[in-house]
Amino acid sequence: MDRNTIILWLLFLLGGITENGFGQLNHKANPVEKLISDVIDSSFNACVYIIEYDTLSRKKGEGMGFSGVVVSKDGHILTVSHAVEPHQVYLVTFPDGDSCIASGLGRIGIQKKGQDFDMAMIKILHTGKWRYAKMGRSADLVPGQPVVSISYPGSFYKPLPNIRLGKINHVGGPGGYIESTCKMEPGDSGGPLFDAEGRVVGLHSWIKANENENFDVPIDAYLKYWSALSVAKDYASLPVADMLPSIMPRNNGDSGYISVIGKTNAASNRSVVQIISGTGDKGSFIKGAVIKFGGKIYIVSKSSMVRQNPKLLYRSGNIPATILIRDRENDLILLTARVDDKDAVDIDAAASNGKSTSLGRLLFTPVNHTRTKVGISSSSFISMEPNYSIGFFGADATYIDRKVTITSIRTGSAACGFLRIKDQVISINDVSIDKPEYYGRELARCYASESIQVSVRRNGKLLQLKFPLPAYPTGKHVSYDFPGGTSMRSDGFAKVLIQDAAIRADECGTPVFNIANEFVGINIARHSRTSTVIMPVDVIGGFIVNSSKGQHTVNK
């Protein structure tokens, strides 16, 4: 299959949602994955994480770093002006863990009438033959053309970048930017956008609320002002441009559209069910997957979103479901209900092999019986420490007279309606708080949406308090404005995969399949604008096995 045919199939897949699924696309999709793999092979190791660095104290700067890409063997790194200052020292880290020191060079950050530039260059100070990516030609980009993003989203605390697949929406949009569907969030700034040949065609700059509206600085602008960017200067006005050849090497290939789509794999789509639980204001709606394991039929879903008295919306009616077991560590729940075993996905074989899903593999999520969302694996197996999912307790404490004593309470927090200043904390969730460090440690183990039990002494009287923990308030940033928002529990997992499909928080629990129609796992959380978390099949299989041994909590 030639490259243009591959691009045609990519254009279909990049639609993101199809009413016709993926069951008959598998024989065509392998070359698509090969194309993505080639981009990763040629460019991944040139994509770097950058953060301010103090060479005297040998400490990283506070706050979030940003992304960039090495584009010359001499160590020139392209990024964006809103992240860089001339002469500033930076620590640059490569995906393999190697790091080096770089210094800020030219910065062109001009937003005036008729002008909008967000360009910067830094350069590695050490001599060497650095891994670098080739630069392409953004002028040749056309709507619908596939592009790949490799950068470091700030919602993750990991040393490797995430991969995302998208298509060009528009070239020469507002301010001359490239608009694509490759999703971005804070931390991705300065990260590269690659064409199908693995060449840099843009650098991540800004976003709108719509997940499919992401804007990159075109690589042609960097080439045009290369000489100016090579000088450590903050330009207040547009510098003199370089004289570029009138005929530059053009990108190979073209793009087009495809209209013929195969039929859905109906069996996989039938495995999706809607779970309804709770009542009134405490009602909850989440998806689940009907699976077969060890000869038995189960429904597996996201535990923190399943309340009491669950029901399944099944074949145009509601049927009762029974909660068997919960796994707090992985936010999994196992249920049973009277469902047809023909609707179940047999996961025995997939659960036993536990094989990894490589970077850039196509993944398919049926969100109901007719609609499928398409993404790619943004990472291999990773662990996610609890950060964004910790509940908003909201009370500070000080060690006074050998007692952990409440000294301030934040308005709107969980503690606001229950604790008082000068309360002495005796225990949290039945764990004695004898030392100051125990207070923070126990609070860090409490997830939003869960209830917390706090024993305090107030005016000499012992009180037992129990109250729910809300999520921390999100910041005021457009990256939080995507439909459905993040899942309340989106991290704190020992082994997960990441994909870039835009799975809504209330669509979690849905099954995920690869191009061979093998069960990969379930979507367990929407973590951020760019990323959905997958609980892999071997973890689900282990959960079921351990539940039969009584190693999980029955909490209905």
Protein backbone atom coordinates (compact mmCIF):
# COMPACT_ATOMS: atom_id res chain seq x y z
CA MET A 1 0.00 0.00 0.00
CA ASP A 2 1.46 3.38 -0.99
CA ARG A 3 1.71 6.39 1.32
CA ASN A 4 -1.17 8.28 -0.31
CA THR A 5 -3.51 5.34 0.29
CA ILE A 6 -2.39 5.24 3.92
CA ILE A 7 -3.14 8.95 4.26
CA LEU A 8 -6.66 8.35 2.92
CA TRP A 9 -7.30 5.84 5.67
CA LEU A 10 -5.81 8.17 8.27
CA LEU A 11 -8.20 10.90 7.19
CA PHE A 12 -11.12 8.59 7.87
CA LEU A 13 -9.81 7.50 11.24
CA LEU A 14 -9.06 11.06 12.31
CA GLY A 15 -12.75 11.86 12.13
CA GLY A 16 -12.65 10.63 15.74
CA ILE A 17 -16.21 9.31 15.82
CA THR A 18 -17.89 7.04 13.32
CA GLU A 19 -21.33 5.52 13.15
CA ASN A 20 -19.82 2.49 11.43
CA GLY A 21 -17.04 1.38 13.74
CA PHE A 22 -13.93 -0.52 12.91
CA GLY A 23 -14.68 -4.20 12.47
CA GLN A 24 -13.79 -4.31 8.76
CA LEU A 25 -10.94 -1.83 8.87
CA ASN A 26 -8.34 -4.02 10.49
CA HIS A 27 -6.71 -5.18 7.26
CA LYS A 28 -6.26 -1.55 6.22
CA ALA A 29 -5.16 -0.19 9.60
CA ASN A 30 -1.81 -1.95 9.94
CA PRO A 31 -0.12 0.37 7.40
CA VAL A 32 -1.61 3.33 9.28
CA GLU A 33 0.06 2.19 12.48
CA LYS A 34 3.28 1.68 10.52
CA LEU A 35 3.15 5.30 9.39
CA ILE A 36 2.68 6.54 12.97
CA SER A 37 5.45 4.22 14.15
CA ASP A 38 7.82 5.63 11.52
CA VAL A 39 7.17 9.17 12.77
CA ILE A 40 7.90 8.07 16.33
CA ASP A 41 11.07 6.21 15.29
CA SER A 42 12.46 9.21 13.41
CA SER A 43 11.44 12.01 15.79
CA PHE A 44 10.61 10.82 19.31
CA ASN A 45 14.15 11.10 20.71
CA ALA A 46 14.47 14.73 19.58
CA CYS A 47 11.45 15.86 21.63
CA VAL A 48 12.61 17.39 24.91
CA TYR A 49 11.29 18.56 28.25
CA ILE A 50 12.58 21.99 29.33
CA ILE A 51 12.57 23.73 32.70
CA GLU A 52 14.42 26.68 34.23
CA TYR A 53 17.59 25.69 36.06
CA ASP A 54 19.90 27.28 38.65
CA THR A 55 23.43 26.06 37.93
CA LEU A 56 24.74 27.25 41.31
CA SER A 57 22.23 25.41 43.50
CA ARG A 58 21.66 22.75 40.83
CA LYS A 59 17.93 23.05 41.36
CA LYS A 60 15.09 23.12 38.87
CA GLY A 61 12.80 26.10 38.77
CA GLU A 62 9.44 25.96 40.50
CA GLY A 63 6.32 25.34 38.50
CA MET A 64 5.65 23.61 35.24
CA GLY A 65 8.20 23.05 32.49
CA PHE A 66 7.45 23.13 28.78
CA SER A 67 8.25 21.29 25.56
CA GLY A 68 10.59 21.75 22.63
CA VAL A 69 12.32 19.94 19.78
CA VAL A 70 15.99 19.74 18.77
CA VAL A 71 16.33 20.59 15.07
CA SER A 72 20.10 20.57 14.48
CA LYS A 73 23.02 18.35 15.41
CA ASP A 74 24.57 21.44 17.05
CA GLY A 75 21.72 21.59 19.59
CA HIS A 76 19.35 24.30 18.35
CA ILE A 77 15.98 23.84 20.08
CA LEU A 78 12.78 25.43 18.84
CA THR A 79 10.00 26.33 21.27
CA VAL A 80 7.61 29.27 21.90
CA SER A 81 8.15 32.78 23.26
CA HIS A 82 5.59 32.61 26.07
CA ALA A 83 7.80 29.98 27.78
CA VAL A 84 11.31 31.44 27.19
CA GLU A 85 13.52 34.39 28.17
CA PRO A 86 16.85 35.24 26.47
CA HIS A 87 19.96 34.30 28.51
CA GLN A 88 17.87 32.18 30.90
CA VAL A 89 19.50 28.85 31.73
CA TYR A 90 17.43 25.71 31.17
CA LEU A 91 17.71 22.03 31.95
CA VAL A 92 16.86 20.01 28.84
CA THR A 93 15.88 16.36 29.28
CA PHE A 94 15.63 13.83 26.45
CA PRO A 95 13.18 10.88 26.47
CA ASP A 96 16.00 8.43 27.28
CA GLY A 97 16.79 10.37 30.46
CA ASP A 98 19.91 12.17 29.21
CA SER A 99 20.00 15.84 30.20
CA CYS A 100 22.05 18.91 29.36
CA ILE A 101 22.17 22.67 29.95
CA ALA A 102 20.86 25.17 27.40
CA SER A 103 20.56 28.94 27.23
CA GLY A 104 17.76 31.13 25.90
CA LEU A 105 18.45 32.86 22.58
CA GLY A 106 16.06 34.89 20.46
CA ARG A 107 12.49 35.55 21.51
CA ILE A 108 9.85 36.95 19.14
CA GLY A 109 6.67 37.37 21.15
CA ILE A 110 4.74 40.07 19.38
CA GLN A 111 0.96 40.45 19.55
CA LYS A 112 0.07 43.69 17.83
CA LYS A 113 -2.51 44.65 15.25
CA GLY A 114 -1.88 42.52 12.19
CA GLN A 115 1.01 40.67 13.85
CA ASP A 116 0.97 37.60 16.09
CA PHE A 117 4.23 35.76 16.71
CA ASP A 118 5.10 33.24 19.43
CA MET A 119 8.60 31.99 18.58
CA ALA A 120 11.76 31.30 20.54
CA MET A 121 15.01 29.40 20.27
CA ILE A 122 17.33 27.99 22.93
CA LYS A 123 20.65 26.24 22.36
CA ILE A 124 22.44 23.45 24.14
CA LEU A 125 25.69 24.80 25.61
CA HIS A 126 27.69 21.59 25.36
CA THR A 127 29.22 20.49 22.09
CA GLY A 128 28.08 17.18 20.68
CA LYS A 129 26.12 15.49 17.95
CA TRP A 130 22.64 15.83 19.32
CA ARG A 131 19.64 13.82 18.20
CA TYR A 132 17.46 16.07 16.10
CA ALA A 133 14.36 16.09 13.93
CA LYS A 134 14.26 17.36 10.37
CA MET A 135 12.25 20.47 9.55
CA GLY A 136 9.52 20.38 6.92
CA ARG A 137 7.59 23.03 5.05
CA SER A 138 4.36 24.29 6.60
CA ALA A 139 3.32 26.14 3.43
CA ASP A 140 2.52 22.79 1.81
CA LEU A 141 0.14 21.64 4.53
CA VAL A 142 -3.49 21.15 3.47
CA PRO A 143 -6.71 20.58 5.45
CA GLY A 144 -7.21 16.93 6.34
CA GLN A 145 -3.51 16.06 6.32
CA PRO A 146 -2.49 13.79 9.23
CA VAL A 147 -0.12 15.18 11.86
CA VAL A 148 1.49 13.76 15.01
CA SER A 149 2.24 15.58 18.27
CA ILE A 150 5.00 14.50 20.68
CA SER A 151 5.19 16.66 23.81
CA TYR A 152 4.97 16.81 27.60
CA PRO A 153 1.48 17.69 28.95
CA GLY A 154 1.66 19.30 32.37
CA SER A 155 -1.03 17.12 33.94
CA PHE A 156 1.44 14.21 34.00
CA TYR A 157 4.48 13.67 36.18
CA LYS A 158 6.49 11.33 33.98
CA PRO A 159 9.75 11.50 32.04
CA LEU A 160 8.37 10.51 28.63
CA PRO A 161 6.27 12.60 26.25
CA ASN A 162 2.77 11.67 25.12
CA ILE A 163 1.90 10.90 21.50
CA ARG A 164 -1.21 12.34 19.86
CA LEU A 165 -2.65 11.96 16.37
CA GLY A 166 -4.66 14.58 14.53
CA LYS A 167 -5.32 16.28 11.23
CA ILE A 168 -4.88 19.76 9.83
CA ASN A 169 -8.06 21.85 10.08
CA HIS A 170 -6.77 25.05 8.56
CA VAL A 171 -3.49 26.66 7.50
CA GLY A 172 -2.95 30.40 7.82
CA GLY A 173 -5.68 30.84 10.42
CA PRO A 174 -5.77 33.58 13.09
CA GLY A 175 -2.35 35.21 13.20
CA GLY A 176 -1.05 32.81 10.55
CA TYR A 177 -1.20 29.81 12.90
CA ILE A 178 -1.77 26.20 11.87
CA GLU A 179 -5.00 24.79 13.31
CA SER A 180 -5.18 21.04 13.96
CA THR A 181 -7.04 18.43 16.01
CA CYS A 182 -3.86 17.36 17.86
CA LYS A 183 -4.99 18.21 21.37
CA MET A 184 -2.81 20.39 23.64
CA GLU A 185 -2.79 21.50 27.26
CA PRO A 186 -0.40 23.52 29.46
CA GLY A 187 3.06 21.94 29.36
CA ASP A 188 2.71 21.08 25.67
CA SER A 189 3.74 24.63 24.73
CA GLY A 190 6.69 24.52 22.36
CA GLY A 191 6.17 20.88 21.51
CA PRO A 192 6.52 19.83 17.87
CA LEU A 193 3.85 18.98 15.32
CA PHE A 194 5.11 16.47 12.73
CA ASP A 195 3.91 15.62 9.25
CA ALA A 196 3.61 12.02 8.01
CA GLU A 197 7.30 12.10 7.02
CA GLY A 198 8.37 12.83 10.62
CA ARG A 199 9.37 16.44 9.89
CA VAL A 200 8.60 19.39 12.15
CA VAL A 201 5.88 21.54 10.58
CA GLY A 202 4.71 23.50 13.63
CA LEU A 203 5.28 24.29 17.32
CA HIS A 204 2.44 24.13 19.89
CA SER A 205 1.23 27.57 20.95
CA TRP A 206 -2.39 28.01 22.11
CA ILE A 207 -5.86 26.47 22.21
CA LYS A 208 -9.55 27.30 22.23
CA ALA A 209 -12.22 25.60 24.32
CA ASN A 210 -13.14 23.21 21.50
CA GLU A 211 -10.87 20.16 21.78
CA ASN A 212 -10.35 20.16 18.02
CA GLU A 213 -9.08 23.75 17.90
CA ASN A 214 -5.35 23.70 18.63
CA PHE A 215 -2.91 26.22 17.17
CA ASP A 216 0.75 25.83 16.16
CA VAL A 217 3.35 28.35 14.99
CA PRO A 218 4.28 27.31 11.41
CA ILE A 219 7.85 26.08 10.96
CA ASP A 220 8.26 28.42 7.97
CA ALA A 221 8.19 31.38 10.39
CA TYR A 222 11.16 29.96 12.32
CA LEU A 223 13.09 29.46 9.09
CA LYS A 224 12.25 32.98 7.98
CA TYR A 225 13.64 34.52 11.19
CA TRP A 226 16.33 31.93 11.92
CA SER A 227 19.20 34.47 12.06
CA ALA A 228 17.31 36.74 14.47
CA LEU A 229 16.29 33.82 16.68
CA SER A 230 19.94 32.72 16.87
CA VAL A 231 20.79 35.94 18.78
CA ALA A 232 19.97 36.23 22.51
CA LYS A 233 17.54 39.12 22.25
CA ASP A 234 13.93 39.88 23.14
CA TYR A 235 12.55 41.58 20.04
CA ALA A 236 10.05 44.37 20.62
CA SER A 237 9.36 44.64 16.89
CA LEU A 238 9.65 42.22 14.04
CA PRO A 239 13.34 41.73 13.07
CA VAL A 240 14.79 41.56 9.59
CA ALA A 241 13.83 38.32 7.85
CA ASP A 242 16.29 35.95 6.20
CA MET A 243 16.41 35.63 2.45
CA LEU A 244 15.03 32.14 1.87
CA PRO A 245 15.36 30.32 -1.46
CA SER A 246 12.41 31.01 -3.70
CA ILE A 247 12.00 27.28 -4.24
CA MET A 248 12.26 25.20 -1.07
CA PRO A 249 12.06 21.40 -0.98
CA ARG A 250 8.41 20.48 -1.03
CA ASN A 251 6.68 17.89 1.09
CA ASN A 252 6.04 14.61 -0.68
CA GLY A 253 2.57 13.27 -1.19
CA ASP A 254 -0.90 14.76 -1.16
CA SER A 255 -4.05 14.19 0.79
CA GLY A 256 -7.68 13.53 0.04
CA TYR A 257 -10.85 12.17 1.60
CA ILE A 258 -12.52 8.81 1.78
CA SER A 259 -16.26 8.20 1.92
CA VAL A 260 -16.63 4.41 1.92
CA ILE A 261 -16.62 2.97 5.43
CA GLY A 262 -17.01 -0.62 6.60
CA LYS A 263 -19.63 -1.92 8.99
CA THR A 264 -19.37 -1.94 12.76
CA ASN A 265 -18.18 -4.95 14.70
CA ALA A 266 -21.58 -5.36 16.32
CA ALA A 267 -20.46 -7.86 18.97
CA SER A 268 -17.94 -5.42 20.44
CA ASN A 269 -20.40 -2.53 20.45
CA ARG A 270 -23.08 -4.63 22.21
CA SER A 271 -20.72 -5.08 25.16
CA VAL A 272 -21.34 -1.44 26.20
CA VAL A 273 -24.07 -0.83 28.80
CA GLN A 274 -25.34 2.23 30.65
CA ILE A 275 -25.27 2.00 34.46
CA ILE A 276 -27.72 4.12 36.47
CA SER A 277 -27.33 4.27 40.25
CA GLY A 278 -28.29 6.37 43.26
CA THR A 279 -31.33 8.62 43.45
CA GLY A 280 -32.16 12.30 43.12
CA ASP A 281 -29.22 14.68 43.42
CA LYS A 282 -26.98 11.72 44.20
CA GLY A 283 -27.89 9.91 40.98
CA SER A 284 -25.00 8.80 38.77
CA PHE A 285 -24.66 7.74 35.15
CA ILE A 286 -21.64 5.85 33.86
CA LYS A 287 -20.87 3.21 31.22
CA GLY A 288 -19.87 -0.39 31.81
CA ALA A 289 -18.48 -3.29 29.78
CA VAL A 290 -20.04 -6.75 29.66
CA ILE A 291 -17.20 -9.27 29.87
CA LYS A 292 -16.73 -13.02 30.15
CA PHE A 293 -13.94 -14.30 32.39
CA GLY A 294 -13.43 -17.80 33.72
CA GLY A 295 -16.68 -18.87 32.12
CA LYS A 296 -18.74 -16.27 34.02
CA ILE A 297 -20.42 -13.06 32.83
CA TYR A 298 -19.72 -9.79 34.63
CA ILE A 299 -20.13 -6.06 34.15
CA VAL A 300 -16.98 -4.07 34.96
CA SER A 301 -16.97 -0.31 35.41
CA LYS A 302 -15.61 2.69 37.34
CA SER A 303 -16.30 2.17 41.04
CA SER A 304 -16.34 5.80 42.19
CA MET A 305 -19.19 6.51 39.76
CA VAL A 306 -21.47 3.64 40.79
CA ARG A 307 -23.74 4.37 43.74
CA GLN A 308 -26.23 2.16 45.55
CA ASN A 309 -29.02 0.23 43.83
CA PRO A 310 -27.49 0.13 40.34
CA LYS A 311 -29.51 -0.67 37.24
CA LEU A 312 -28.54 -1.32 33.65
CA LEU A 313 -30.23 0.37 30.72
CA TYR A 314 -30.38 -2.79 28.65
CA ARG A 315 -32.30 -3.44 25.45
CA SER A 316 -34.66 -0.48 25.92
CA GLY A 317 -35.40 -1.30 29.56
CA ASN A 318 -33.95 -1.12 33.06
CA ILE A 319 -32.76 -4.30 34.76
CA PRO A 320 -31.38 -4.55 38.31
CA ALA A 321 -27.66 -5.19 38.84
CA THR A 322 -25.90 -6.58 41.88
CA ILE A 323 -22.59 -5.21 43.15
CA LEU A 324 -20.16 -8.05 43.78
CA ILE A 325 -16.93 -6.30 44.76
CA ARG A 326 -15.04 -3.01 44.58
CA ASP A 327 -11.32 -2.33 44.13
CA ARG A 328 -10.45 1.11 45.53
CA GLU A 329 -6.84 0.94 44.32
CA ASN A 330 -7.86 0.71 40.67
CA ASP A 331 -11.33 2.31 40.97
CA LEU A 332 -12.91 -0.85 39.57
CA ILE A 333 -16.29 -2.39 40.35
CA LEU A 334 -17.67 -5.79 39.41
CA LEU A 335 -21.40 -6.35 38.98
CA THR A 336 -23.73 -9.07 37.76
CA ALA A 337 -27.03 -8.80 35.94
CA ARG A 338 -29.23 -10.90 33.67
CA VAL A 339 -27.60 -10.10 30.34
CA ASP A 340 -27.22 -12.23 27.24
CA ASP A 341 -23.83 -13.94 27.14
CA LYS A 342 -23.69 -13.11 23.41
CA ASP A 343 -23.16 -9.48 24.44
CA ALA A 344 -20.07 -10.32 26.50
CA VAL A 345 -16.46 -9.92 25.39
CA ASP A 346 -14.33 -12.93 26.35
CA ILE A 347 -11.21 -11.51 28.03
CA ASP A 348 -9.57 -14.72 29.28
CA ALA A 349 -6.83 -14.86 26.65
CA ALA A 350 -6.10 -11.11 26.70
CA ALA A 351 -5.97 -11.02 30.52
CA SER A 352 -3.44 -13.84 30.70
CA ASN A 353 -0.86 -12.51 28.22
CA GLY A 354 -0.56 -9.02 29.77
CA LYS A 355 1.31 -7.76 26.72
CA SER A 356 2.10 -4.08 26.38
CA THR A 357 0.40 -1.76 23.92
CA SER A 358 3.11 0.05 21.99
CA LEU A 359 3.15 3.79 21.40
CA GLY A 360 0.98 5.03 18.58
CA ARG A 361 -1.29 1.99 18.25
CA LEU A 362 -4.83 2.64 17.06
CA LEU A 363 -7.48 2.14 19.74
CA PHE A 364 -11.26 1.98 19.34
CA THR A 365 -13.89 2.74 21.99
CA PRO A 366 -17.55 1.93 21.30
CA VAL A 367 -19.46 4.45 23.45
CA ASN A 368 -22.82 2.89 22.59
CA HIS A 369 -24.16 0.33 20.12
CA THR A 370 -23.63 2.53 17.06
CA ARG A 371 -20.89 5.07 17.83
CA THR A 372 -17.15 4.43 18.12
CA LYS A 373 -14.40 6.88 19.09
CA VAL A 374 -10.90 6.46 17.70
CA GLY A 375 -7.60 7.33 19.38
CA ILE A 376 -4.03 6.15 19.67
CA SER A 377 -1.97 4.90 22.60
CA SER A 378 -0.18 7.98 23.89
CA SER A 379 2.04 6.01 26.27
CA SER A 380 2.96 2.48 27.24
CA PHE A 381 2.23 1.24 30.76
CA ILE A 382 2.78 3.93 33.40
CA SER A 383 1.92 4.50 37.06
CA MET A 384 0.09 7.65 38.17
CA GLU A 385 0.59 8.96 41.69
CA PRO A 386 -2.49 10.52 43.31
CA ASN A 387 -2.41 14.25 42.59
CA TYR A 388 -5.49 15.71 40.94
CA SER A 389 -7.85 13.20 42.59
CA ILE A 390 -7.07 14.05 46.21
CA GLY A 391 -10.12 15.41 48.01
CA PHE A 392 -10.37 19.07 49.01
CA PHE A 393 -10.17 18.82 52.81
CA GLY A 394 -9.15 22.45 53.19
CA ALA A 395 -7.89 22.75 56.75
CA ASP A 396 -4.34 23.63 57.81
CA ALA A 397 -2.94 22.36 61.08
CA THR A 398 -0.02 23.24 63.39
CA TYR A 399 1.64 21.17 66.10
CA ILE A 400 0.69 22.98 69.33
CA ASP A 401 1.28 21.53 72.81
CA ARG A 402 2.01 18.15 71.23
CA LYS A 403 -1.36 18.14 69.47
CA VAL A 404 -2.14 18.53 65.76
CA THR A 405 -4.37 21.61 65.94
CA ILE A 406 -6.52 23.19 63.22
CA THR A 407 -5.31 26.76 62.58
CA SER A 408 -7.10 27.76 59.35
CA ILE A 409 -10.03 26.54 57.25
CA ARG A 410 -10.59 27.41 53.59
CA THR A 411 -13.98 28.65 52.49
CA GLY A 412 -15.82 26.12 50.34
CA SER A 413 -13.74 23.17 51.52
CA ALA A 414 -15.02 19.94 53.06
CA ALA A 415 -13.76 21.00 56.49
CA CYS A 416 -15.55 24.35 56.38
CA GLY A 417 -18.89 23.06 57.63
CA PHE A 418 -17.57 20.57 60.15
CA LEU A 419 -14.29 21.65 61.78
CA ARG A 420 -13.48 24.65 63.95
CA ILE A 421 -10.29 26.60 64.61
CA LYS A 422 -8.43 25.08 67.61
CA ASP A 423 -9.93 21.62 67.04
CA GLN A 424 -7.34 18.99 67.98
CA VAL A 425 -7.19 16.16 65.43
CA ILE A 426 -7.09 12.75 67.12
CA SER A 427 -7.51 10.43 64.12
CA ILE A 428 -8.34 10.33 60.41
CA ASN A 429 -10.11 7.23 59.09
CA ASP A 430 -9.21 5.43 62.34
CA VAL A 431 -5.48 6.20 61.95
CA SER A 432 -4.04 8.02 64.97
CA ILE A 433 -2.57 11.44 64.18
CA ASP A 434 0.20 11.48 66.78
CA LYS A 435 2.72 13.43 64.70
CA PRO A 436 2.37 16.41 62.33
CA GLU A 437 3.52 14.41 59.28
CA TYR A 438 0.75 11.86 59.81
CA TYR A 439 -1.86 14.56 59.18
CA GLY A 440 -0.77 15.34 55.63
CA ARG A 441 0.00 11.70 54.89
CA GLU A 442 -3.50 10.50 55.71
CA LEU A 443 -5.22 13.35 53.88
CA ALA A 444 -3.18 12.48 50.77
CA ARG A 445 -4.78 9.04 50.81
CA CYS A 446 -8.33 10.40 50.61
CA TYR A 447 -9.88 10.75 47.18
CA ALA A 448 -12.55 13.22 46.14
CA SER A 449 -16.10 11.77 46.23
CA GLU A 450 -15.18 9.58 49.20
CA SER A 451 -16.23 10.24 52.80
CA ILE A 452 -13.66 10.96 55.48
CA GLN A 453 -13.94 10.16 59.20
CA VAL A 454 -12.25 12.63 61.53
CA SER A 455 -12.03 12.38 65.30
CA VAL A 456 -11.37 15.73 67.03
CA ARG A 457 -11.29 17.12 70.52
CA ARG A 458 -13.18 20.40 70.81
CA ASN A 459 -13.32 22.28 74.12
CA GLY A 460 -12.43 19.06 75.93
CA LYS A 461 -15.16 17.03 74.20
CA LEU A 462 -14.40 14.17 71.77
CA LEU A 463 -16.35 14.38 68.49
CA GLN A 464 -16.65 11.82 65.68
CA LEU A 465 -17.24 13.55 62.33
CA LYS A 466 -17.92 12.07 58.92
CA PHE A 467 -18.35 14.10 55.74
CA PRO A 468 -17.79 13.82 51.95
CA LEU A 469 -14.75 15.24 50.21
CA PRO A 470 -15.28 17.41 47.12
CA ALA A 471 -12.73 17.81 44.35
CA TYR A 472 -10.25 20.68 44.40
CA PRO A 473 -11.52 23.71 42.46
CA THR A 474 -10.09 23.81 38.96
CA GLY A 475 -8.15 26.82 37.76
CA LYS A 476 -9.48 29.43 35.38
CA HIS A 477 -7.99 28.21 32.10
CA VAL A 478 -9.45 27.28 28.75
CA SER A 479 -7.85 23.82 29.02
CA TYR A 480 -10.48 22.90 31.65
CA ASP A 481 -13.43 23.87 29.46
CA PHE A 482 -13.78 20.68 27.39
CA PRO A 483 -17.15 18.83 27.39
CA GLY A 484 -17.73 16.71 30.47
CA GLY A 485 -14.57 17.88 32.22
CA THR A 486 -12.16 15.59 34.05
CA SER A 487 -13.16 12.55 36.07
CA MET A 488 -13.21 13.22 39.81
CA ARG A 489 -10.91 10.21 40.25
CA SER A 490 -8.36 10.45 37.43
CA ASP A 491 -5.06 9.25 38.93
CA GLY A 492 -3.61 7.20 41.76
CA PHE A 493 -3.22 4.08 39.60
CA ALA A 494 -0.34 1.59 39.68
CA LYS A 495 -0.54 0.43 36.06
CA VAL A 496 -2.47 2.12 33.26
CA LEU A 497 -2.30 3.11 29.61
CA ILE A 498 -3.01 6.57 28.16
CA GLN A 499 -4.87 7.33 24.95
CA ASP A 500 -5.77 10.58 23.18
CA ALA A 501 -9.43 9.82 22.33
CA ALA A 502 -11.85 12.41 23.73
CA ILE A 503 -13.76 10.09 26.04
CA ARG A 504 -16.16 12.08 28.20
CA ALA A 505 -16.07 11.52 31.96
CA ASP A 506 -19.53 9.94 31.83
CA GLU A 507 -18.38 7.63 29.00
CA CYS A 508 -15.77 5.96 31.21
CA GLY A 509 -16.28 2.27 31.84
CA THR A 510 -16.45 1.67 28.09
CA PRO A 511 -14.31 -1.11 26.57
CA VAL A 512 -11.23 -0.40 24.44
CA PHE A 513 -10.14 -2.58 21.50
CA ASN A 514 -7.09 -2.64 19.24
CA ILE A 515 -7.12 -3.10 15.46
CA ALA A 516 -7.20 -6.90 15.87
CA ASN A 517 -10.45 -6.45 17.85
CA GLU A 518 -8.65 -7.63 21.00
CA PHE A 519 -9.90 -6.29 24.33
CA VAL A 520 -7.28 -3.85 25.69
CA GLY A 521 -9.10 -2.67 28.84
CA ILE A 522 -11.70 -0.10 29.89
CA ASN A 523 -11.54 3.67 29.97
CA ILE A 524 -11.23 4.32 33.69
CA ALA A 525 -10.88 8.13 33.73
CA ARG A 526 -10.77 11.30 31.67
CA HIS A 527 -7.58 12.81 33.05
CA SER A 528 -7.18 16.05 31.09
CA ARG A 529 -7.96 17.82 27.84
CA THR A 530 -5.47 15.61 25.99
CA SER A 531 -5.70 12.28 27.76
CA THR A 532 -7.96 9.40 28.78
CA VAL A 533 -6.71 6.71 31.17
CA ILE A 534 -7.18 3.01 30.33
CA MET A 535 -7.23 0.28 32.98
CA PRO A 536 -5.52 -2.64 31.18
CA VAL A 537 -7.08 -6.05 30.76
CA ASP A 538 -4.53 -7.93 32.87
CA VAL A 539 -5.30 -5.67 35.86
CA ILE A 540 -9.02 -6.31 35.36
CA GLY A 541 -8.39 -10.06 35.17
CA GLY A 542 -6.30 -9.93 38.33
CA PHE A 543 -9.07 -7.98 40.07
CA ILE A 544 -11.61 -10.69 39.26
CA VAL A 545 -9.27 -13.48 40.37
CA ASN A 546 -8.43 -11.72 43.63
CA SER A 547 -12.07 -10.93 44.30
CA SER A 548 -12.79 -14.65 44.38
CA LYS A 549 -10.10 -14.92 47.07
CA GLY A 550 -11.65 -12.17 49.17
CA GLN A 551 -8.82 -9.69 48.55
CA HIS A 552 -11.05 -6.71 47.74
CA THR A 553 -13.68 -4.73 49.61
CA VAL A 554 -17.37 -5.52 49.42
CA ASN A 555 -18.93 -2.05 49.69
CA LYS A 556 -22.37 -1.84 48.21
